[in-house]
Amino acid sequence: MPSLMQSLNLRVPIILAPMAGGVSTPELVAAVSDAGGLGSLGAAYLTPAQILEAGAAVRRLTGQPFAVNLFAPQPAVDPTPLEVERAIAELAPFHADLALPPPTLTAQGEPDFRAQLEAVLEVCPAVLSFTFGRLEPRDLDALRTRGILAIGTATGLEEARQLEADGVDAIVLQGGTAGGHRGGWLEDELADTLALTRVVASHSRVPLIAAGGLMTAPDVRAALQAGASLAQCGTAFLRAAEAGTSAPYRAALAAARAGDTVLTRAFSGRTARGLQNAVTQGVTQPLPYPHQNALTRPMRAAGARVGRAEVLSLWAGEGVAQGQEGPAAQILAGLWP
């Protein structure tokens, strides 16, 4: 059987982490794929029409394989009126400081997974990766029929076992140092990336992709030696020239030091790792996802417009201080010289 690297026609054993929310632009995805890795489009917040548009843009920029990432569907938990009142009260000072109307919780309007998946099937990337859960057998069958590899995300051994039993083609193992949202759905172990890779490798026959804290070439080599077929890197590319990272976000990343990241639910209602700021410190009673995500959206949009990093979700892994600026191809070459 060909290796995962051979199946994807990669020259470099690195996948760009699928950073949703605008960071993984078609230009960044294409640049990583053109340089020999696997670019990933974070499409979880995109509408089906936007997925089609972004997929077409990637194809105009590169003829190489790329991935698209979605959030696996999960049942929403509706907050109580008291929880909504508390969450609004915590965000009210930030809205006032930004000269915004008081926060209000409106209808969610989150993209429909079924429609998103249909768009992905039409784009037909080399890979669909997914986080936060499992896909139904019919979804995996639809991907298989079109020759699209399915890659799930696990934060522990039991999640990896369930994904393998489902028949995924590979599994991303997300260690505790990884930036952005935690991708699991059972108990999150926040394990060391290399330790998690070794444990799962000893129990699994599915190709594994190590993620979390991989910022240098020695980090990548260590992940492969631990049993991973590929390494997934996200924080390393946040300051790439092609990334959609906003100016205040870039400035905060450039100033970050070791130990500046925290786990927080303040912005989206899901646990995620990012740089600490006024919101991570001031919001202690967030609503569950997707309600908190919708509630903080106006604040985050206003903060990006006026350059206020203290109200932005500054997702980053623990290795953020080792990040560099430059073209994505240059960053990738530094990870696999």
Protein backbone atom coordinates (compact mmCIF):
# COMPACT_ATOMS: atom_id res chain seq x y z
CA MET A 1 0.00 0.00 0.00
CA PRO A 2 1.32 3.50 -0.79
CA SER A 3 2.14 5.71 2.18
CA LEU A 4 -0.04 8.70 3.02
CA MET A 5 2.67 10.97 1.65
CA GLN A 6 2.71 9.03 -1.64
CA SER A 7 -1.10 8.93 -1.86
CA LEU A 8 -1.19 12.72 -1.59
CA ASN A 9 1.80 13.23 -3.90
CA LEU A 10 3.64 15.28 -1.27
CA ARG A 11 7.31 16.18 -1.37
CA VAL A 12 7.30 17.46 2.22
CA PRO A 13 5.66 15.53 5.11
CA ILE A 14 3.77 18.57 6.39
CA ILE A 15 0.11 19.59 6.35
CA LEU A 16 -0.98 23.17 6.86
CA ALA A 17 -3.40 23.18 9.79
CA PRO A 18 -6.89 24.23 8.64
CA MET A 19 -7.24 27.59 10.39
CA ALA A 20 -10.85 28.72 9.97
CA GLY A 21 -11.96 32.32 10.25
CA GLY A 22 -10.00 33.81 7.38
CA VAL A 23 -6.39 32.86 8.14
CA SER A 24 -6.16 30.00 5.62
CA THR A 25 -6.70 32.02 2.45
CA PRO A 26 -6.68 30.32 -0.97
CA GLU A 27 -3.27 31.98 -1.48
CA LEU A 28 -1.84 30.35 1.66
CA VAL A 29 -3.36 26.96 0.84
CA ALA A 30 -1.96 27.06 -2.69
CA ALA A 31 1.47 28.28 -1.58
CA VAL A 32 1.91 25.37 0.84
CA SER A 33 0.69 22.84 -1.73
CA ASP A 34 2.92 24.29 -4.45
CA ALA A 35 5.91 24.06 -2.10
CA GLY A 36 5.34 20.32 -1.61
CA GLY A 37 3.17 20.16 1.50
CA LEU A 38 -0.61 19.82 1.78
CA GLY A 39 -2.44 23.12 2.03
CA SER A 40 -5.67 23.07 4.04
CA LEU A 41 -8.64 25.40 3.66
CA GLY A 42 -10.43 26.04 6.97
CA ALA A 43 -14.00 26.13 5.66
CA ALA A 44 -16.02 25.51 8.83
CA TYR A 45 -17.49 29.04 8.93
CA LEU A 46 -18.04 29.31 5.17
CA THR A 47 -21.38 28.96 3.43
CA PRO A 48 -21.65 26.36 0.67
CA ALA A 49 -21.35 29.11 -1.94
CA GLN A 50 -18.21 30.43 -0.26
CA ILE A 51 -16.72 26.92 -0.17
CA LEU A 52 -17.27 26.58 -3.91
CA GLU A 53 -15.73 30.00 -4.50
CA ALA A 54 -12.71 29.34 -2.27
CA GLY A 55 -12.16 25.89 -3.76
CA ALA A 56 -12.21 27.36 -7.26
CA ALA A 57 -9.73 30.03 -6.17
CA VAL A 58 -7.33 27.40 -4.84
CA ARG A 59 -7.58 25.45 -8.10
CA ARG A 60 -6.79 28.59 -10.12
CA LEU A 61 -3.63 29.05 -8.04
CA THR A 62 -2.31 25.48 -7.93
CA GLY A 63 -2.69 22.13 -9.61
CA GLN A 64 -1.44 20.34 -6.49
CA PRO A 65 -3.58 18.40 -3.98
CA PHE A 66 -5.16 20.31 -1.09
CA ALA A 67 -7.53 19.67 1.82
CA VAL A 68 -10.75 21.24 3.05
CA ASN A 69 -11.75 21.15 6.72
CA LEU A 70 -15.23 21.20 8.30
CA PHE A 71 -16.61 20.90 11.82
CA ALA A 72 -18.39 17.58 12.35
CA PRO A 73 -22.03 18.25 13.31
CA GLN A 74 -22.70 18.30 17.03
CA PRO A 75 -25.99 18.88 18.89
CA ALA A 76 -26.31 22.47 20.10
CA VAL A 77 -27.03 23.19 23.77
CA ASP A 78 -29.41 26.10 24.25
CA PRO A 79 -28.50 28.46 27.10
CA THR A 80 -30.94 29.52 29.80
CA PRO A 81 -32.17 33.15 29.96
CA LEU A 82 -29.99 33.68 33.05
CA GLU A 83 -26.90 32.41 31.23
CA VAL A 84 -27.61 34.73 28.32
CA GLU A 85 -28.05 37.68 30.70
CA ARG A 86 -24.71 36.96 32.38
CA ALA A 87 -22.85 36.54 29.10
CA ILE A 88 -24.27 39.79 27.75
CA ALA A 89 -23.31 41.62 30.93
CA GLU A 90 -19.70 40.45 30.60
CA LEU A 91 -19.43 41.65 27.01
CA ALA A 92 -21.26 44.96 27.52
CA PRO A 93 -18.14 46.93 28.64
CA PHE A 94 -16.23 45.80 25.55
CA HIS A 95 -19.09 46.91 23.30
CA ALA A 96 -19.26 50.28 25.05
CA ASP A 97 -15.51 50.78 24.65
CA LEU A 98 -15.83 50.06 20.92
CA ALA A 99 -18.88 52.34 20.57
CA LEU A 100 -21.03 49.37 19.60
CA PRO A 101 -24.69 48.84 20.54
CA PRO A 102 -25.20 46.55 23.55
CA PRO A 103 -24.61 42.87 22.73
CA THR A 104 -27.65 40.80 21.77
CA LEU A 105 -28.04 37.10 21.07
CA THR A 106 -29.69 36.68 17.68
CA ALA A 107 -30.60 33.59 15.65
CA GLN A 108 -27.45 31.60 14.98
CA GLY A 109 -27.48 31.08 11.25
CA GLU A 110 -24.51 28.71 11.44
CA PRO A 111 -23.68 27.05 8.11
CA ASP A 112 -25.52 23.78 7.52
CA PHE A 113 -23.10 20.84 7.58
CA ARG A 114 -25.06 18.82 5.00
CA ALA A 115 -24.97 21.68 2.51
CA GLN A 116 -21.31 22.36 3.30
CA LEU A 117 -20.43 18.73 2.66
CA GLU A 118 -22.25 18.77 -0.68
CA ALA A 119 -20.14 21.78 -1.67
CA VAL A 120 -16.96 19.98 -0.63
CA LEU A 121 -17.97 16.95 -2.70
CA GLU A 122 -18.39 19.28 -5.68
CA VAL A 123 -15.00 20.92 -5.10
CA CYS A 124 -13.53 17.40 -4.76
CA PRO A 125 -10.29 18.18 -2.89
CA ALA A 126 -7.77 15.43 -2.16
CA VAL A 127 -8.77 15.43 1.52
CA LEU A 128 -11.67 16.33 3.75
CA SER A 129 -10.47 16.71 7.33
CA PHE A 130 -12.89 17.24 10.19
CA THR A 131 -12.88 18.10 13.88
CA PHE A 132 -15.18 17.95 16.95
CA GLY A 133 -16.61 14.51 16.25
CA ARG A 134 -17.33 11.72 13.81
CA LEU A 135 -18.99 11.54 10.41
CA GLU A 136 -21.88 9.29 9.52
CA PRO A 137 -21.18 6.18 7.39
CA ARG A 138 -23.06 7.74 4.46
CA ASP A 139 -20.75 10.76 4.57
CA LEU A 140 -17.62 8.60 4.56
CA ASP A 141 -19.09 6.54 1.71
CA ALA A 142 -19.76 9.71 -0.32
CA LEU A 143 -16.17 10.85 0.17
CA ARG A 144 -14.82 7.41 -0.74
CA THR A 145 -16.91 7.31 -3.92
CA ARG A 146 -15.28 10.56 -5.08
CA GLY A 147 -11.77 9.49 -4.09
CA ILE A 148 -11.54 12.04 -1.26
CA LEU A 149 -9.54 10.90 1.78
CA ALA A 150 -11.27 11.39 5.15
CA ILE A 151 -9.09 12.55 8.04
CA GLY A 152 -10.59 12.84 11.54
CA THR A 153 -9.18 14.58 14.61
CA ALA A 154 -8.51 12.99 18.00
CA THR A 155 -7.14 14.31 21.29
CA GLY A 156 -6.84 10.90 22.96
CA LEU A 157 -6.65 7.18 22.36
CA GLU A 158 -10.38 6.42 22.64
CA GLU A 159 -11.28 9.09 20.07
CA ALA A 160 -8.62 7.65 17.75
CA ARG A 161 -10.04 4.16 18.22
CA GLN A 162 -13.54 5.32 17.32
CA LEU A 163 -12.33 7.13 14.21
CA GLU A 164 -10.34 4.10 13.09
CA ALA A 165 -13.41 1.87 13.59
CA ASP A 166 -15.39 4.30 11.44
CA GLY A 167 -12.97 3.72 8.58
CA VAL A 168 -11.21 7.07 8.26
CA ASP A 169 -8.10 7.16 6.09
CA ALA A 170 -5.92 8.96 8.65
CA ILE A 171 -6.16 10.62 12.05
CA VAL A 172 -4.81 13.97 13.24
CA LEU A 173 -3.57 13.64 16.83
CA GLN A 174 -3.89 17.05 18.46
CA GLY A 175 -1.59 17.52 21.42
CA GLY A 176 -2.32 19.89 24.27
CA THR A 177 0.08 22.60 23.06
CA ALA A 178 -1.80 23.12 19.78
CA GLY A 179 -3.31 26.49 19.00
CA GLY A 180 -6.95 27.10 18.14
CA HIS A 181 -9.94 24.99 19.06
CA ARG A 182 -9.53 21.63 20.71
CA GLY A 183 -10.66 19.15 18.08
CA GLY A 184 -11.95 16.27 20.18
CA TRP A 185 -15.39 15.39 21.49
CA LEU A 186 -14.75 13.05 24.44
CA GLU A 187 -12.56 13.85 27.43
CA ASP A 188 -9.66 16.02 26.23
CA GLU A 189 -6.42 14.71 27.71
CA LEU A 190 -4.32 17.74 26.67
CA ALA A 191 -1.54 15.23 26.12
CA ASP A 192 2.00 15.92 24.98
CA THR A 193 2.00 15.65 21.19
CA LEU A 194 4.85 13.13 20.97
CA ALA A 195 3.53 11.03 23.86
CA LEU A 196 0.06 10.95 22.32
CA THR A 197 1.51 9.94 18.95
CA ARG A 198 3.51 7.08 20.49
CA VAL A 199 0.53 5.74 22.41
CA VAL A 200 -1.86 5.81 19.47
CA ALA A 201 0.78 4.45 17.07
CA SER A 202 1.14 1.38 19.30
CA HIS A 203 -2.62 0.68 19.02
CA SER A 204 -3.50 1.83 15.50
CA ARG A 205 -2.96 0.72 11.91
CA VAL A 206 -4.28 3.98 10.45
CA PRO A 207 -1.75 6.62 9.32
CA LEU A 208 -1.31 9.30 11.98
CA ILE A 209 -0.69 13.03 11.68
CA ALA A 210 0.91 14.73 14.69
CA ALA A 211 -0.23 18.27 15.57
CA GLY A 212 0.65 20.69 18.33
CA GLY A 213 3.85 22.56 19.12
CA LEU A 214 5.65 21.63 15.88
CA MET A 215 7.50 24.83 15.03
CA THR A 216 10.94 23.69 13.84
CA ALA A 217 12.55 21.01 11.69
CA PRO A 218 13.67 19.04 14.78
CA ASP A 219 10.05 19.15 16.04
CA VAL A 220 8.81 17.69 12.76
CA ARG A 221 11.48 14.97 12.73
CA ALA A 222 10.63 14.05 16.33
CA ALA A 223 6.94 13.68 15.42
CA LEU A 224 7.78 11.36 12.53
CA GLN A 225 10.11 9.33 14.74
CA ALA A 226 7.29 9.00 17.29
CA GLY A 227 5.14 7.21 14.71
CA ALA A 228 3.42 9.94 12.71
CA SER A 229 3.25 9.75 8.92
CA LEU A 230 2.94 13.53 8.61
CA ALA A 231 3.18 16.62 10.79
CA GLN A 232 0.46 19.29 10.89
CA CYS A 233 1.60 22.87 11.54
CA GLY A 234 -0.60 25.91 12.04
CA THR A 235 0.96 28.46 14.38
CA ALA A 236 4.16 28.34 12.30
CA PHE A 237 2.21 29.79 9.34
CA LEU A 238 0.17 32.48 11.11
CA ARG A 239 2.61 35.21 10.05
CA ALA A 240 3.10 33.91 6.52
CA ALA A 241 2.80 36.60 3.86
CA GLU A 242 -0.14 34.77 2.25
CA ALA A 243 -2.08 34.23 5.50
CA GLY A 244 -5.24 36.23 6.16
CA THR A 245 -4.05 37.11 9.67
CA SER A 246 -5.12 40.68 10.50
CA ALA A 247 -2.60 43.42 11.28
CA PRO A 248 -3.38 43.59 15.04
CA TYR A 249 -3.28 39.78 15.25
CA ARG A 250 0.13 39.75 13.51
CA ALA A 251 1.47 42.40 15.88
CA ALA A 252 0.32 40.41 18.91
CA LEU A 253 1.95 37.26 17.54
CA ALA A 254 5.23 39.08 16.89
CA ALA A 255 5.30 40.35 20.48
CA ALA A 256 4.30 37.02 22.06
CA ARG A 257 6.62 35.22 24.45
CA ALA A 258 6.72 31.66 25.74
CA GLY A 259 3.92 31.10 28.24
CA ASP A 260 1.59 33.77 26.81
CA THR A 261 -1.12 31.36 25.64
CA VAL A 262 -4.14 30.17 27.64
CA LEU A 263 -7.05 27.81 27.13
CA THR A 264 -10.28 29.76 26.92
CA ARG A 265 -13.96 29.44 26.01
CA ALA A 266 -14.48 33.20 26.05
CA PHE A 267 -14.80 33.80 22.31
CA SER A 268 -16.66 30.82 20.89
CA GLY A 269 -17.92 28.70 23.76
CA ARG A 270 -15.51 25.91 22.77
CA THR A 271 -12.18 25.42 24.48
CA ALA A 272 -9.37 26.88 22.39
CA ARG A 273 -5.76 27.96 22.92
CA GLY A 274 -4.73 31.51 22.13
CA LEU A 275 -2.88 34.55 23.42
CA GLN A 276 -4.32 35.92 26.62
CA ASN A 277 -5.92 39.35 26.42
CA ALA A 278 -8.66 41.45 28.00
CA VAL A 279 -11.45 39.14 26.82
CA THR A 280 -9.82 35.89 27.98
CA GLN A 281 -9.32 37.53 31.37
CA GLY A 282 -12.69 39.26 31.62
CA VAL A 283 -15.13 36.68 30.26
CA THR A 284 -15.71 33.88 32.75
CA GLN A 285 -19.28 32.76 31.94
CA PRO A 286 -19.43 32.18 28.18
CA LEU A 287 -22.38 30.56 26.47
CA PRO A 288 -21.97 27.16 24.79
CA TYR A 289 -20.96 27.02 21.13
CA PRO A 290 -22.28 28.33 18.74
CA HIS A 291 -24.10 30.92 20.87
CA GLN A 292 -20.97 32.54 22.35
CA ASN A 293 -19.40 32.59 18.90
CA ALA A 294 -22.40 34.52 17.56
CA LEU A 295 -22.50 36.81 20.59
CA THR A 296 -18.85 37.86 20.26
CA ARG A 297 -18.84 38.21 16.46
CA PRO A 298 -19.70 41.97 16.36
CA MET A 299 -17.03 42.71 18.96
CA ARG A 300 -14.38 40.74 17.09
CA ALA A 301 -15.28 42.33 13.76
CA ALA A 302 -15.10 45.83 15.25
CA GLY A 303 -11.80 45.04 16.95
CA ALA A 304 -10.26 43.91 13.66
CA ARG A 305 -11.47 47.10 11.91
CA VAL A 306 -9.90 49.43 14.47
CA GLY A 307 -6.82 47.37 15.31
CA ARG A 308 -7.74 46.38 18.87
CA ALA A 309 -6.04 43.05 19.57
CA GLU A 310 -7.38 42.97 23.14
CA VAL A 311 -10.83 41.97 21.83
CA LEU A 312 -9.71 39.51 19.15
CA SER A 313 -9.50 35.71 19.32
CA LEU A 314 -5.72 35.42 18.92
CA TRP A 315 -5.47 31.67 18.40
CA ALA A 316 -1.91 30.38 18.75
CA GLY A 317 -0.07 27.35 20.09
CA GLU A 318 2.47 27.28 22.88
CA GLY A 319 5.32 27.55 20.38
CA VAL A 320 4.13 30.96 19.19
CA ALA A 321 7.35 32.75 20.23
CA GLN A 322 9.23 30.69 17.62
CA GLY A 323 7.04 31.92 14.76
CA GLN A 324 8.54 33.76 11.81
CA GLU A 325 7.42 36.09 9.05
CA GLY A 326 7.96 35.41 5.38
CA PRO A 327 6.51 33.60 2.38
CA ALA A 328 4.80 30.31 3.18
CA ALA A 329 7.26 28.40 0.97
CA GLN A 330 10.16 29.80 3.02
CA ILE A 331 8.49 28.80 6.30
CA LEU A 332 7.79 25.33 4.95
CA ALA A 333 11.42 24.95 3.81
CA GLY A 334 12.52 25.78 7.34
CA LEU A 335 10.33 23.01 8.72
CA TRP A 336 11.76 20.41 6.32
CA PRO A 337 15.12 21.61 4.98
